[in-house]
Structures are given as structure tokens and as C-alpha cells.
Amino acid sequence: MKIGIIGAGHIGGTAARLFVEAGHEVSVSNSRGPDSLRDLAAALGSKAHAATVDDAAAFGEVILLATPWRKPEALPSPARVAGKVVIDAMNPYTATGGLQDLGTSTSSEETAKRLPGARLVKAFNTIYFEHLATRGRRDLPVEERHAIFVAGDDAAAKRVVETLIEQIGFAPVDTGSLREGGQRQQPGTAIYNRPMTGAEARAALARGG
């Protein structure tokens, strides 16, 4: 697949490498412009290139959002992602490290409002970037792999993301809708940044985690 990466820091840059290793093409971007990403793109090899945010979004069949949630200006233009599967790896941290009070809403629901028409899936927001970088195990049965949680309202979009997660060596675990599943994946919850296998993750969710 062609995957556009918006934000090439710890999560975005790591995911880009894993997607390339799984055989996908990636376009990496950030708010500083493609010149700042030439070295990263070169290190990723021939299946990667640096681009502007909007060009990366236009390139991708799937888009990964890995920018600070508090900076909506870093997102691509809504028209560039309309109808596409968009993976939201962001968490609603403030500039001081606290969490934005969203009332009964979730950060992904708010992101969906910013990108109307996108097929939004919450994923990659609960995993520590070093675990993402080192714990992928394509040689293990899926349920024995490190879990990556997924939430969304579009079942077909979730399946696309779950397949990508399996291809890079992790276990996709569905937490539910953007509302309920997104709440389960928020920072501070029982499953946030907690290493567990797919089987352990499903058991934790069954216990109400």
C-alpha cells in the first residue's frame, strides 16, 4: 500500500520504518517541510520519500497522524484525506503535559470533526515508541504478539488497520467504537502504555480494562 505519514517523530518515524520493512511505500512529512526529512527518507530506502503534509496525505491510501493533537494546524487539508483510512495515533496532551478536558467526547471524535469525510481509526496511541520499534514479532502467532489497540466506527477501515498491524508483527485488538473504544485507549487507562500480548489484552478488556 501507499501510506502517508503526518509527523515523523518517535511514533511516525518508527512506523514508517516498519511499514517499509513490510513492503509498503511511505511518504513522510512534518510541519518543518520535506528538507528536514531527507536523511530519514534516505535511511528508509527506495520505498520512502519526503513530502509536504498535504502531498503526503494525497499520496497515501492510508494516512497516519502522529503530530501533537493540540496543533490542528499540523493536520492535512480535509479534502486530501476524504474517503481515506486515517489512523489517529495522537493523544490530547496539552503543552504542559496534562490532558485536555474533552467532556464526554474523545480526542479521535474531535479529530474526526477536523477531518470530515475521513475514515478514522484510533491506533498506535497506546504503545511506547521503543516497544513499537523493538517488539514486532512476525514469527509469533498473532495472539502471542505485543498488542496494539484499535478503535473506530468503520468496520472495513478497522480491518485495513488491523492487517497493517499484523504485517509489522503486532496483535491488533479491537476496543470498540471511537467513543467507547477511544475512551478505553486514553492516557491513564488500564491498557495505556502497558505491554501485553494480544491474548492478555483481550482478557483485560473482558475484565473491563
Protein backbone atom coordinates (compact mmCIF):
# COMPACT_ATOMS: atom_id res chain seq x y z
CA MET A 1 0.00 0.00 0.00
CA LYS A 2 0.91 3.67 -0.17
CA ILE A 3 1.00 5.21 3.31
CA GLY A 4 1.27 8.90 4.13
CA ILE A 5 2.92 9.71 7.45
CA ILE A 6 1.98 13.06 9.02
CA GLY A 7 4.53 13.72 11.74
CA ALA A 8 7.85 11.87 11.59
CA GLY A 9 8.89 11.85 15.24
CA HIS A 10 9.16 8.84 17.55
CA ILE A 11 5.92 7.13 16.52
CA GLY A 12 5.68 8.38 12.93
CA GLY A 13 9.32 7.70 12.07
CA THR A 14 9.25 4.27 13.68
CA ALA A 15 6.01 3.29 11.96
CA ALA A 16 7.43 4.47 8.63
CA ARG A 17 10.37 2.09 9.00
CA LEU A 18 8.14 -0.82 9.95
CA PHE A 19 5.79 -0.20 7.04
CA VAL A 20 8.70 -0.08 4.60
CA GLU A 21 10.11 -3.30 6.03
CA ALA A 22 6.69 -4.89 5.46
CA GLY A 23 6.87 -3.90 1.78
CA HIS A 24 4.76 -0.74 1.71
CA GLU A 25 5.63 2.64 0.21
CA VAL A 26 5.68 5.64 2.55
CA SER A 27 5.66 9.39 2.19
CA VAL A 28 6.94 11.09 5.34
CA SER A 29 6.10 14.66 6.29
CA ASN A 30 6.20 17.12 9.15
CA SER A 31 5.49 20.79 9.88
CA ARG A 32 9.09 21.79 9.07
CA GLY A 33 8.95 20.65 5.45
CA PRO A 34 10.48 17.87 3.36
CA ASP A 35 14.05 19.19 3.50
CA SER A 36 14.14 18.32 7.21
CA LEU A 37 13.30 14.70 6.38
CA ARG A 38 15.74 13.95 3.56
CA ASP A 39 18.05 11.94 5.82
CA LEU A 40 15.17 9.91 7.25
CA ALA A 41 13.79 9.17 3.79
CA ALA A 42 17.25 8.15 2.55
CA ALA A 43 17.71 5.84 5.53
CA LEU A 44 14.34 4.22 4.84
CA GLY A 45 15.38 3.41 1.27
CA SER A 46 13.79 3.46 -2.15
CA LYS A 47 10.24 2.86 -0.88
CA ALA A 48 10.23 6.17 1.03
CA HIS A 49 10.30 9.83 0.15
CA ALA A 50 9.88 13.14 1.97
CA ALA A 51 6.97 15.43 1.14
CA THR A 52 4.83 18.27 2.40
CA VAL A 53 1.96 17.36 4.71
CA ASP A 54 -0.69 17.78 2.04
CA ASP A 55 1.36 15.91 -0.56
CA ALA A 56 1.94 13.01 1.83
CA ALA A 57 -1.80 12.92 2.53
CA ALA A 58 -2.56 12.95 -1.20
CA PHE A 59 -0.02 10.13 -1.80
CA GLY A 60 -1.35 7.78 0.84
CA GLU A 61 -4.14 5.27 0.53
CA VAL A 62 -3.79 5.14 4.32
CA ILE A 63 -2.73 8.14 6.40
CA LEU A 64 -1.06 8.01 9.84
CA LEU A 65 -1.49 11.09 12.03
CA ALA A 66 1.39 11.30 14.52
CA THR A 67 1.58 15.03 15.27
CA PRO A 68 0.74 16.77 18.58
CA TRP A 69 -3.06 16.65 18.98
CA ARG A 70 -3.05 20.20 20.36
CA LYS A 71 -1.82 21.53 16.99
CA PRO A 72 -4.66 21.03 14.50
CA GLU A 73 -2.83 23.29 12.07
CA ALA A 74 -0.37 20.42 11.57
CA LEU A 75 -3.07 18.21 10.05
CA PRO A 76 -3.52 17.86 6.29
CA SER A 77 -6.32 19.60 4.44
CA PRO A 78 -9.59 17.67 4.91
CA ALA A 79 -10.01 17.33 1.14
CA ARG A 80 -6.74 15.37 0.92
CA VAL A 81 -7.97 12.63 3.25
CA ALA A 82 -11.68 12.47 2.45
CA GLY A 83 -12.71 8.86 1.91
CA LYS A 84 -9.35 7.52 3.06
CA VAL A 85 -8.46 5.38 6.06
CA VAL A 86 -6.83 7.72 8.58
CA ILE A 87 -5.02 6.27 11.61
CA ASP A 88 -5.10 8.59 14.61
CA ALA A 89 -2.05 7.94 16.81
CA MET A 90 -2.46 11.22 18.73
CA ASN A 91 -3.32 11.81 22.38
CA PRO A 92 -4.88 15.03 23.76
CA TYR A 93 -1.91 16.29 25.73
CA THR A 94 -1.59 19.98 26.45
CA ALA A 95 1.66 21.92 26.01
CA THR A 96 2.40 21.39 29.72
CA GLY A 97 1.89 17.62 29.61
CA GLY A 98 -1.60 17.49 31.06
CA LEU A 99 -4.67 16.16 29.31
CA GLN A 100 -7.21 18.36 27.55
CA ASP A 101 -10.66 18.13 29.14
CA LEU A 102 -12.95 16.99 26.32
CA GLY A 103 -16.01 16.34 28.45
CA THR A 104 -17.86 13.31 27.11
CA SER A 105 -16.03 13.41 23.77
CA THR A 106 -12.75 11.72 22.84
CA SER A 107 -9.71 13.05 21.02
CA SER A 108 -10.42 10.93 17.95
CA GLU A 109 -14.00 12.16 17.74
CA GLU A 110 -12.65 15.71 17.81
CA THR A 111 -10.09 14.81 15.12
CA ALA A 112 -12.90 13.34 13.01
CA LYS A 113 -14.66 16.71 13.21
CA ARG A 114 -11.48 18.39 11.96
CA LEU A 115 -11.24 15.93 9.05
CA PRO A 116 -14.81 15.36 7.86
CA GLY A 117 -15.07 12.50 5.40
CA ALA A 118 -12.01 10.65 6.72
CA ARG A 119 -12.47 7.03 7.78
CA LEU A 120 -10.86 7.50 11.17
CA VAL A 121 -9.36 4.65 13.20
CA LYS A 122 -7.70 5.15 16.59
CA ALA A 123 -4.48 3.10 16.83
CA PHE A 124 -0.78 3.33 17.75
CA ASN A 125 -1.59 5.84 20.52
CA THR A 126 -1.21 3.45 23.45
CA ILE A 127 2.19 1.92 22.60
CA TYR A 128 5.55 3.32 23.73
CA PHE A 129 7.65 4.12 20.68
CA GLU A 130 10.57 1.95 21.83
CA HIS A 131 8.19 -1.00 22.14
CA LEU A 132 6.91 -0.25 18.65
CA ALA A 133 10.49 -0.19 17.42
CA THR A 134 11.62 -3.42 19.06
CA ARG A 135 8.71 -5.73 19.89
CA GLY A 136 7.29 -6.61 16.50
CA ARG A 137 7.43 -10.40 16.04
CA ARG A 138 6.11 -11.66 12.75
CA ASP A 139 7.41 -15.11 13.68
CA LEU A 140 4.94 -15.49 16.56
CA PRO A 141 1.26 -16.43 16.45
CA VAL A 142 -0.77 -13.22 16.47
CA GLU A 143 -2.23 -13.72 19.96
CA GLU A 144 1.30 -14.06 21.41
CA ARG A 145 2.49 -10.75 19.94
CA HIS A 146 2.58 -7.36 21.63
CA ALA A 147 -0.90 -5.80 21.41
CA ILE A 148 -1.78 -2.62 19.55
CA PHE A 149 -5.29 -1.39 20.27
CA VAL A 150 -7.72 -0.24 17.59
CA ALA A 151 -10.97 1.72 17.84
CA GLY A 152 -13.33 3.05 15.18
CA ASP A 153 -16.81 3.24 13.74
CA ASP A 154 -15.93 1.98 10.24
CA ALA A 155 -15.52 -1.81 10.32
CA ALA A 156 -13.83 -2.03 6.92
CA ALA A 157 -11.36 0.73 7.83
CA LYS A 158 -10.53 -1.07 11.07
CA ARG A 159 -9.79 -4.26 9.13
CA VAL A 160 -7.31 -2.37 6.93
CA VAL A 161 -5.51 -1.05 10.00
CA GLU A 162 -5.60 -4.42 11.74
CA THR A 163 -3.99 -6.03 8.69
CA LEU A 164 -1.20 -3.44 8.72
CA ILE A 165 -0.63 -4.07 12.42
CA GLU A 166 -0.32 -7.81 11.81
CA GLN A 167 2.05 -7.23 8.89
CA ILE A 168 4.50 -5.34 11.11
CA GLY A 169 4.48 -8.06 13.75
CA PHE A 170 1.91 -6.99 16.33
CA ALA A 171 -1.52 -8.15 17.53
CA PRO A 172 -4.44 -5.85 16.70
CA VAL A 173 -7.03 -5.73 19.49
CA ASP A 174 -10.37 -4.01 18.92
CA THR A 175 -11.58 -1.83 21.80
CA GLY A 176 -14.83 -0.78 20.10
CA SER A 177 -16.19 2.46 18.70
CA LEU A 178 -14.43 5.82 18.53
CA ARG A 179 -16.41 6.87 21.61
CA GLU A 180 -16.23 3.81 23.85
CA GLY A 181 -13.05 2.34 22.39
CA GLY A 182 -11.39 5.73 22.31
CA GLN A 183 -12.16 6.21 25.99
CA ARG A 184 -10.60 2.82 26.76
CA GLN A 185 -7.40 3.89 24.93
CA GLN A 186 -6.96 7.26 26.63
CA PRO A 187 -3.81 8.03 28.64
CA GLY A 188 -4.14 6.87 32.21
CA THR A 189 -6.38 3.91 31.47
CA ALA A 190 -5.58 0.31 32.39
CA ILE A 191 -4.37 -0.55 28.88
CA TYR A 192 -2.47 2.63 28.06
CA ASN A 193 1.28 2.03 27.52
CA ARG A 194 1.03 -1.33 29.24
CA PRO A 195 2.88 -4.13 27.46
CA MET A 196 0.68 -7.19 26.96
CA THR A 197 0.09 -9.87 24.40
CA GLY A 198 -2.97 -9.98 22.23
CA ALA A 199 -4.44 -12.72 24.45
CA GLU A 200 -3.68 -10.74 27.61
CA ALA A 201 -5.19 -7.61 26.07
CA ARG A 202 -8.45 -9.35 25.22
CA ALA A 203 -8.64 -10.72 28.77
CA ALA A 204 -8.02 -7.25 30.20
CA LEU A 205 -10.80 -5.78 28.06
CA ALA A 206 -13.14 -8.59 29.14
CA ARG A 207 -12.44 -7.65 32.76
CA GLY A 208 -13.42 -4.08 31.99
CA GLY A 209 -9.95 -2.66 31.32
